[in-house]
Amino acid sequence: MITKLFNKCRRTGTSFILLIIRFFYYKLRKKNILAHQRVSIKGLDNIETGGLLSIGFEYVGFTHRSDVTLLNINGRLKIKGKYSIGRGSRLDVGTDATVTIGENGFINPFALIIIMHHLEIGDQCAISWNCQLLDSDFHEITYPGKKTSGNGIKIGNNVWIGANVNIYKGTVIPNGTVIAANSVVRGVFTEENTLIAGNPAKVVKREVKWEWDEHL
């Protein structure tokens, strides 16, 4: 365990000593968190960890050790099991908002997640880099015939979200869905195991299956 952790620090440009100090600090606060030195957490008391939460380590070739990962948790963040949030990501949970995330998944670098109402992410979900999840318009636009959508975002189990995907309020994504890169997703999808793509996103293939890369 120690050797694996030390090698991880070398690979990601992390101070091993600072990592251990922060880890035990979080343990004293009853949080199971392993954080890179360039991680800033506001609202630690509002975070519940059911497994090891690793923050700021997952990287790709275009990240840098100086990239800051920020968690600003004014509402509630519940991580049910082992999970990873990538380097340079931003997670902002507003007052009275709740974010619930399943186990054995990850968020890749530079994700932007702004939740003012509710976000639910299931188990074994892979979220690629530069994705945005936003459940509030912050400003309201009215026009004749406008359809009202619910607030919040719900993502099922075993969902793969490609790079540069934007997901907005009122979206429901079923189990086994694959979302193609650069898609803009808004609305309720009901069919499982589909590929959705486009702007606005729609179902383009059915009976889709995907598997985790063994190297991830």
C-alpha atoms as a PDB file:
ATOM      1  CA  MET A   1       0.000   0.000   0.000  1.00  0.00           C
ATOM      2  CA  ILE A   2       2.743   2.476   0.998  1.00  0.00           C
ATOM      3  CA  THR A   3       4.836   1.626  -2.078  1.00  0.00           C
ATOM      4  CA  LYS A   4       1.835   2.067  -4.372  1.00  0.00           C
ATOM      5  CA  LEU A   5       1.016   5.398  -2.767  1.00  0.00           C
ATOM      6  CA  PHE A   6       4.616   6.587  -3.017  1.00  0.00           C
ATOM      7  CA  ASN A   7       4.770   5.703  -6.717  1.00  0.00           C
ATOM      8  CA  LYS A   8       1.484   7.526  -7.272  1.00  0.00           C
ATOM      9  CA  CYS A   9       2.965  10.630  -5.667  1.00  0.00           C
ATOM     10  CA  ARG A  10       6.030  10.482  -7.910  1.00  0.00           C
ATOM     11  CA  ARG A  11       3.906  10.027 -11.016  1.00  0.00           C
ATOM     12  CA  THR A  12       1.590  12.949 -10.214  1.00  0.00           C
ATOM     13  CA  GLY A  13       4.088  15.394  -8.692  1.00  0.00           C
ATOM     14  CA  THR A  14       2.701  15.124  -5.173  1.00  0.00           C
ATOM     15  CA  SER A  15       4.556  15.531  -1.902  1.00  0.00           C
ATOM     16  CA  PHE A  16       4.287  12.178  -0.124  1.00  0.00           C
ATOM     17  CA  ILE A  17       4.691  13.788   3.293  1.00  0.00           C
ATOM     18  CA  LEU A  18       1.984  16.398   2.667  1.00  0.00           C
ATOM     19  CA  LEU A  19      -0.303  13.692   1.324  1.00  0.00           C
ATOM     20  CA  ILE A  20       0.031  11.615   4.496  1.00  0.00           C
ATOM     21  CA  ILE A  21      -0.447  14.658   6.751  1.00  0.00           C
ATOM     22  CA  ARG A  22      -3.626  15.682   4.933  1.00  0.00           C
ATOM     23  CA  PHE A  23      -4.912  12.104   4.870  1.00  0.00           C
ATOM     24  CA  PHE A  24      -4.725  11.793   8.649  1.00  0.00           C
ATOM     25  CA  TYR A  25      -6.168  15.287   9.089  1.00  0.00           C
ATOM     26  CA  TYR A  26      -9.196  14.209   7.080  1.00  0.00           C
ATOM     27  CA  LYS A  27      -9.358  10.981   9.097  1.00  0.00           C
ATOM     28  CA  LEU A  28      -9.573  13.039  12.274  1.00  0.00           C
ATOM     29  CA  ARG A  29     -12.504  14.849  10.662  1.00  0.00           C
ATOM     30  CA  LYS A  30     -14.060  11.424   9.886  1.00  0.00           C
ATOM     31  CA  LYS A  31     -13.541  11.769   6.134  1.00  0.00           C
ATOM     32  CA  ASN A  32     -11.882   9.136   3.952  1.00  0.00           C
ATOM     33  CA  ILE A  33     -10.125  11.480   1.512  1.00  0.00           C
ATOM     34  CA  LEU A  34      -6.820  11.251  -0.336  1.00  0.00           C
ATOM     35  CA  ALA A  35      -6.084  14.696  -1.800  1.00  0.00           C
ATOM     36  CA  HIS A  36      -3.326  16.135  -3.973  1.00  0.00           C
ATOM     37  CA  GLN A  37      -1.580  19.175  -2.487  1.00  0.00           C
ATOM     38  CA  ARG A  38      -3.240  21.411  -5.116  1.00  0.00           C
ATOM     39  CA  VAL A  39      -6.730  20.540  -3.872  1.00  0.00           C
ATOM     40  CA  SER A  40      -8.884  23.120  -2.087  1.00  0.00           C
ATOM     41  CA  ILE A  41     -11.932  21.906  -0.155  1.00  0.00           C
ATOM     42  CA  LYS A  42     -14.483  24.328   1.279  1.00  0.00           C
ATOM     43  CA  GLY A  43     -17.304  22.851   3.332  1.00  0.00           C
ATOM     44  CA  LEU A  44     -15.529  19.679   4.453  1.00  0.00           C
ATOM     45  CA  ASP A  45     -18.173  19.019   7.115  1.00  0.00           C
ATOM     46  CA  ASN A  46     -20.779  18.772   4.340  1.00  0.00           C
ATOM     47  CA  ILE A  47     -19.029  15.814   2.678  1.00  0.00           C
ATOM     48  CA  GLU A  48     -19.874  12.185   3.487  1.00  0.00           C
ATOM     49  CA  THR A  49     -17.518   9.459   2.247  1.00  0.00           C
ATOM     50  CA  GLY A  50     -18.532   5.791   2.179  1.00  0.00           C
ATOM     51  CA  GLY A  51     -15.225   4.744   0.603  1.00  0.00           C
ATOM     52  CA  LEU A  52     -11.905   6.298  -0.375  1.00  0.00           C
ATOM     53  CA  LEU A  53     -12.394   9.579  -2.256  1.00  0.00           C
ATOM     54  CA  SER A  54      -9.304  10.408  -4.319  1.00  0.00           C
ATOM     55  CA  ILE A  55      -9.091  14.036  -5.477  1.00  0.00           C
ATOM     56  CA  GLY A  56      -6.693  15.705  -7.905  1.00  0.00           C
ATOM     57  CA  PHE A  57      -4.662  12.691  -9.003  1.00  0.00           C
ATOM     58  CA  GLU A  58      -6.335  11.434 -12.163  1.00  0.00           C
ATOM     59  CA  TYR A  59      -4.652  13.184 -15.039  1.00  0.00           C
ATOM     60  CA  VAL A  60      -4.148  13.202 -18.797  1.00  0.00           C
ATOM     61  CA  GLY A  61      -1.208  14.435 -20.837  1.00  0.00           C
ATOM     62  CA  PHE A  62      -2.420  18.042 -20.958  1.00  0.00           C
ATOM     63  CA  THR A  63      -2.727  18.514 -17.193  1.00  0.00           C
ATOM     64  CA  HIS A  64      -0.028  20.098 -15.036  1.00  0.00           C
ATOM     65  CA  ARG A  65       0.891  19.513 -11.408  1.00  0.00           C
ATOM     66  CA  SER A  66      -0.001  23.151 -10.653  1.00  0.00           C
ATOM     67  CA  ASP A  67      -3.644  22.730 -11.763  1.00  0.00           C
ATOM     68  CA  VAL A  68      -5.972  23.396  -8.828  1.00  0.00           C
ATOM     69  CA  THR A  69      -8.924  21.144  -8.013  1.00  0.00           C
ATOM     70  CA  LEU A  70     -11.702  22.928  -6.116  1.00  0.00           C
ATOM     71  CA  LEU A  71     -14.632  21.582  -4.107  1.00  0.00           C
ATOM     72  CA  ASN A  72     -17.018  24.229  -2.749  1.00  0.00           C
ATOM     73  CA  ILE A  73     -19.688  22.325  -0.828  1.00  0.00           C
ATOM     74  CA  ASN A  74     -22.346  24.545   0.735  1.00  0.00           C
ATOM     75  CA  GLY A  75     -25.029  21.861   0.416  1.00  0.00           C
ATOM     76  CA  ARG A  76     -24.449  18.116   0.801  1.00  0.00           C
ATOM     77  CA  LEU A  77     -22.057  15.814  -1.067  1.00  0.00           C
ATOM     78  CA  LYS A  78     -22.416  12.070  -0.450  1.00  0.00           C
ATOM     79  CA  ILE A  79     -19.962   9.607  -2.012  1.00  0.00           C
ATOM     80  CA  LYS A  80     -21.226   6.047  -1.486  1.00  0.00           C
ATOM     81  CA  GLY A  81     -17.967   4.182  -2.179  1.00  0.00           C
ATOM     82  CA  LYS A  82     -14.550   4.376  -3.802  1.00  0.00           C
ATOM     83  CA  TYR A  83     -14.422   7.311  -6.229  1.00  0.00           C
ATOM     84  CA  SER A  84     -12.010   9.640  -8.006  1.00  0.00           C
ATOM     85  CA  ILE A  85     -12.269  13.312  -9.013  1.00  0.00           C
ATOM     86  CA  GLY A  86      -9.684  14.375 -11.586  1.00  0.00           C
ATOM     87  CA  ARG A  87      -7.159  17.176 -11.506  1.00  0.00           C
ATOM     88  CA  GLY A  88      -8.368  20.682 -12.312  1.00  0.00           C
ATOM     89  CA  SER A  89     -12.045  19.871 -11.781  1.00  0.00           C
ATOM     90  CA  ARG A  90     -14.482  22.247 -10.077  1.00  0.00           C
ATOM     91  CA  LEU A  91     -17.445  21.092  -7.995  1.00  0.00           C
ATOM     92  CA  ASP A  92     -19.797  23.768  -6.622  1.00  0.00           C
ATOM     93  CA  VAL A  93     -22.781  22.577  -4.570  1.00  0.00           C
ATOM     94  CA  GLY A  94     -25.145  25.360  -3.533  1.00  0.00           C
ATOM     95  CA  THR A  95     -26.907  25.814  -0.207  1.00  0.00           C
ATOM     96  CA  ASP A  96     -29.742  23.250   0.192  1.00  0.00           C
ATOM     97  CA  ALA A  97     -28.484  21.354  -2.885  1.00  0.00           C
ATOM     98  CA  THR A  98     -27.562  17.660  -2.732  1.00  0.00           C
ATOM     99  CA  VAL A  99     -25.120  15.599  -4.778  1.00  0.00           C
ATOM    100  CA  THR A 100     -25.129  11.810  -4.413  1.00  0.00           C
ATOM    101  CA  ILE A 101     -22.481   9.767  -6.239  1.00  0.00           C
ATOM    102  CA  GLY A 102     -22.229   5.975  -6.439  1.00  0.00           C
ATOM    103  CA  GLU A 103     -19.134   3.831  -6.174  1.00  0.00           C
ATOM    104  CA  ASN A 104     -16.361   2.640  -8.494  1.00  0.00           C
ATOM    105  CA  GLY A 105     -16.494   5.539 -10.920  1.00  0.00           C
ATOM    106  CA  PHE A 106     -14.484   8.608 -11.792  1.00  0.00           C
ATOM    107  CA  ILE A 107     -14.569  12.164 -13.063  1.00  0.00           C
ATOM    108  CA  ASN A 108     -11.681  13.003 -15.380  1.00  0.00           C
ATOM    109  CA  PRO A 109      -9.771  16.332 -15.298  1.00  0.00           C
ATOM    110  CA  PHE A 110     -11.296  19.772 -15.834  1.00  0.00           C
ATOM    111  CA  ALA A 111     -14.924  18.854 -15.205  1.00  0.00           C
ATOM    112  CA  LEU A 112     -17.196  21.734 -14.157  1.00  0.00           C
ATOM    113  CA  ILE A 113     -20.117  20.650 -11.977  1.00  0.00           C
ATOM    114  CA  ILE A 114     -22.436  23.365 -10.652  1.00  0.00           C
ATOM    115  CA  ILE A 115     -25.436  22.075  -8.725  1.00  0.00           C
ATOM    116  CA  MET A 116     -28.033  24.327  -7.112  1.00  0.00           C
ATOM    117  CA  HIS A 117     -30.737  21.647  -6.716  1.00  0.00           C
ATOM    118  CA  HIS A 118     -29.939  17.952  -7.069  1.00  0.00           C
ATOM    119  CA  LEU A 119     -27.510  15.652  -8.858  1.00  0.00           C
ATOM    120  CA  GLU A 120     -27.490  11.866  -8.666  1.00  0.00           C
ATOM    121  CA  ILE A 121     -24.768   9.776 -10.337  1.00  0.00           C
ATOM    122  CA  GLY A 122     -25.013   5.976 -10.195  1.00  0.00           C
ATOM    123  CA  ASP A 123     -22.386   3.279  -9.771  1.00  0.00           C
ATOM    124  CA  GLN A 124     -19.573   2.625 -12.257  1.00  0.00           C
ATOM    125  CA  CYS A 125     -19.980   5.851 -14.205  1.00  0.00           C
ATOM    126  CA  ALA A 126     -17.120   7.289 -16.249  1.00  0.00           C
ATOM    127  CA  ILE A 127     -17.142  11.047 -16.882  1.00  0.00           C
ATOM    128  CA  SER A 128     -14.507  12.243 -19.340  1.00  0.00           C
ATOM    129  CA  TRP A 129     -12.585  15.526 -19.350  1.00  0.00           C
ATOM    130  CA  ASN A 130     -14.024  19.007 -19.854  1.00  0.00           C
ATOM    131  CA  CYS A 131     -17.608  17.964 -19.097  1.00  0.00           C
ATOM    132  CA  GLN A 132     -20.113  20.410 -17.629  1.00  0.00           C
ATOM    133  CA  LEU A 133     -23.086  19.466 -15.441  1.00  0.00           C
ATOM    134  CA  LEU A 134     -25.355  22.404 -14.609  1.00  0.00           C
ATOM    135  CA  ASP A 135     -28.826  22.176 -13.056  1.00  0.00           C
ATOM    136  CA  SER A 136     -29.730  25.870 -12.923  1.00  0.00           C
ATOM    137  CA  ASP A 137     -30.256  28.579 -15.550  1.00  0.00           C
ATOM    138  CA  PHE A 138     -29.524  31.344 -13.013  1.00  0.00           C
ATOM    139  CA  HIS A 139     -31.622  33.602 -15.281  1.00  0.00           C
ATOM    140  CA  GLU A 140     -35.126  32.888 -16.550  1.00  0.00           C
ATOM    141  CA  ILE A 141     -36.248  33.345 -20.146  1.00  0.00           C
ATOM    142  CA  THR A 142     -39.952  33.298 -20.984  1.00  0.00           C
ATOM    143  CA  TYR A 143     -41.663  32.949 -24.346  1.00  0.00           C
ATOM    144  CA  PRO A 144     -45.009  31.606 -25.661  1.00  0.00           C
ATOM    145  CA  GLY A 145     -45.248  27.813 -25.615  1.00  0.00           C
ATOM    146  CA  LYS A 146     -42.201  27.320 -23.408  1.00  0.00           C
ATOM    147  CA  LYS A 147     -42.074  23.867 -21.806  1.00  0.00           C
ATOM    148  CA  THR A 148     -41.156  23.745 -18.137  1.00  0.00           C
ATOM    149  CA  SER A 149     -38.537  21.163 -17.155  1.00  0.00           C
ATOM    150  CA  GLY A 150     -37.781  19.924 -13.666  1.00  0.00           C
ATOM    151  CA  ASN A 151     -34.653  20.879 -11.814  1.00  0.00           C
ATOM    152  CA  GLY A 152     -31.938  18.390 -11.030  1.00  0.00           C
ATOM    153  CA  ILE A 153     -29.969  15.816 -13.000  1.00  0.00           C
ATOM    154  CA  LYS A 154     -30.137  12.029 -12.642  1.00  0.00           C
ATOM    155  CA  ILE A 155     -27.543   9.698 -14.178  1.00  0.00           C
ATOM    156  CA  GLY A 156     -28.010   5.931 -13.896  1.00  0.00           C
ATOM    157  CA  ASN A 157     -25.501   3.128 -13.383  1.00  0.00           C
ATOM    158  CA  ASN A 158     -22.751   2.157 -15.826  1.00  0.00           C
ATOM    159  CA  VAL A 159     -22.973   5.369 -17.866  1.00  0.00           C
ATOM    160  CA  TRP A 160     -20.061   6.600 -20.009  1.00  0.00           C
ATOM    161  CA  ILE A 161     -20.022  10.338 -20.685  1.00  0.00           C
ATOM    162  CA  GLY A 162     -17.584  11.395 -23.425  1.00  0.00           C
ATOM    163  CA  ALA A 163     -15.335  14.450 -23.499  1.00  0.00           C
ATOM    164  CA  ASN A 164     -16.760  17.986 -23.675  1.00  0.00           C
ATOM    165  CA  VAL A 165     -20.341  16.910 -22.953  1.00  0.00           C
ATOM    166  CA  ASN A 166     -22.751  19.465 -21.458  1.00  0.00           C
ATOM    167  CA  ILE A 167     -25.656  18.184 -19.341  1.00  0.00           C
ATOM    168  CA  TYR A 168     -28.368  20.559 -18.158  1.00  0.00           C
ATOM    169  CA  LYS A 169     -31.246  20.657 -15.682  1.00  0.00           C
ATOM    170  CA  GLY A 170     -34.145  18.259 -15.972  1.00  0.00           C
ATOM    171  CA  THR A 171     -32.003  15.554 -17.578  1.00  0.00           C
ATOM    172  CA  VAL A 172     -32.479  11.859 -16.809  1.00  0.00           C
ATOM    173  CA  ILE A 173     -29.966   9.392 -18.248  1.00  0.00           C
ATOM    174  CA  PRO A 174     -30.796   5.656 -17.905  1.00  0.00           C
ATOM    175  CA  ASN A 175     -28.469   2.777 -17.034  1.00  0.00           C
ATOM    176  CA  GLY A 176     -25.919   1.692 -19.624  1.00  0.00           C
ATOM    177  CA  THR A 177     -26.073   4.888 -21.684  1.00  0.00           C
ATOM    178  CA  VAL A 178     -23.085   6.104 -23.699  1.00  0.00           C
ATOM    179  CA  ILE A 179     -23.010   9.835 -24.467  1.00  0.00           C
ATOM    180  CA  ALA A 180     -20.874  10.825 -27.453  1.00  0.00           C
ATOM    181  CA  ALA A 181     -18.240  13.541 -27.109  1.00  0.00           C
ATOM    182  CA  ASN A 182     -19.363  17.166 -27.584  1.00  0.00           C
ATOM    183  CA  SER A 183     -23.043  16.353 -27.044  1.00  0.00           C
ATOM    184  CA  VAL A 184     -25.465  18.803 -25.428  1.00  0.00           C
ATOM    185  CA  VAL A 185     -27.912  16.846 -23.285  1.00  0.00           C
ATOM    186  CA  ARG A 186     -31.205  18.061 -21.891  1.00  0.00           C
ATOM    187  CA  GLY A 187     -34.374  16.077 -21.331  1.00  0.00           C
ATOM    188  CA  VAL A 188     -35.636  12.741 -20.071  1.00  0.00           C
ATOM    189  CA  PHE A 189     -34.278   9.633 -21.794  1.00  0.00           C
ATOM    190  CA  THR A 190     -36.019   6.346 -20.949  1.00  0.00           C
ATOM    191  CA  GLU A 191     -34.298   3.599 -22.990  1.00  0.00           C
ATOM    192  CA  GLU A 192     -31.351   1.824 -21.395  1.00  0.00           C
ATOM    193  CA  ASN A 193     -28.171   0.810 -23.249  1.00  0.00           C
ATOM    194  CA  THR A 194     -28.323   3.435 -25.974  1.00  0.00           C
ATOM    195  CA  LEU A 195     -25.833   5.789 -27.599  1.00  0.00           C
ATOM    196  CA  ILE A 196     -26.994   9.387 -27.545  1.00  0.00           C
ATOM    197  CA  ALA A 197     -25.277  12.148 -29.483  1.00  0.00           C
ATOM    198  CA  GLY A 198     -25.683  15.605 -30.967  1.00  0.00           C
ATOM    199  CA  ASN A 199     -26.959  19.072 -30.112  1.00  0.00           C
ATOM    200  CA  PRO A 200     -29.591  18.583 -28.885  1.00  0.00           C
ATOM    201  CA  ALA A 201     -28.679  15.005 -28.018  1.00  0.00           C
ATOM    202  CA  LYS A 202     -30.908  12.177 -29.241  1.00  0.00           C
ATOM    203  CA  VAL A 203     -30.735   8.386 -29.410  1.00  0.00           C
ATOM    204  CA  VAL A 204     -28.665   7.293 -32.423  1.00  0.00           C
ATOM    205  CA  LYS A 205     -28.014   3.606 -31.593  1.00  0.00           C
ATOM    206  CA  ARG A 206     -29.667   0.966 -29.422  1.00  0.00           C
ATOM    207  CA  GLU A 207     -28.530  -2.226 -27.656  1.00  0.00           C
ATOM    208  CA  VAL A 208     -25.174  -0.602 -26.924  1.00  0.00           C
ATOM    209  CA  LYS A 209     -22.704  -2.170 -24.484  1.00  0.00           C
ATOM    210  CA  TRP A 210     -19.412  -0.813 -23.206  1.00  0.00           C
ATOM    211  CA  GLU A 211     -16.666  -2.094 -20.918  1.00  0.00           C
ATOM    212  CA  TRP A 212     -14.087  -0.440 -18.688  1.00  0.00           C
ATOM    213  CA  ASP A 213     -10.572  -0.123 -20.076  1.00  0.00           C
ATOM    214  CA  GLU A 214      -8.466  -2.447 -17.908  1.00  0.00           C
ATOM    215  CA  HIS A 215      -5.732   0.221 -17.768  1.00  0.00           C
ATOM    216  CA  LEU A 216      -7.979   2.877 -16.205  1.00  0.00           C
END
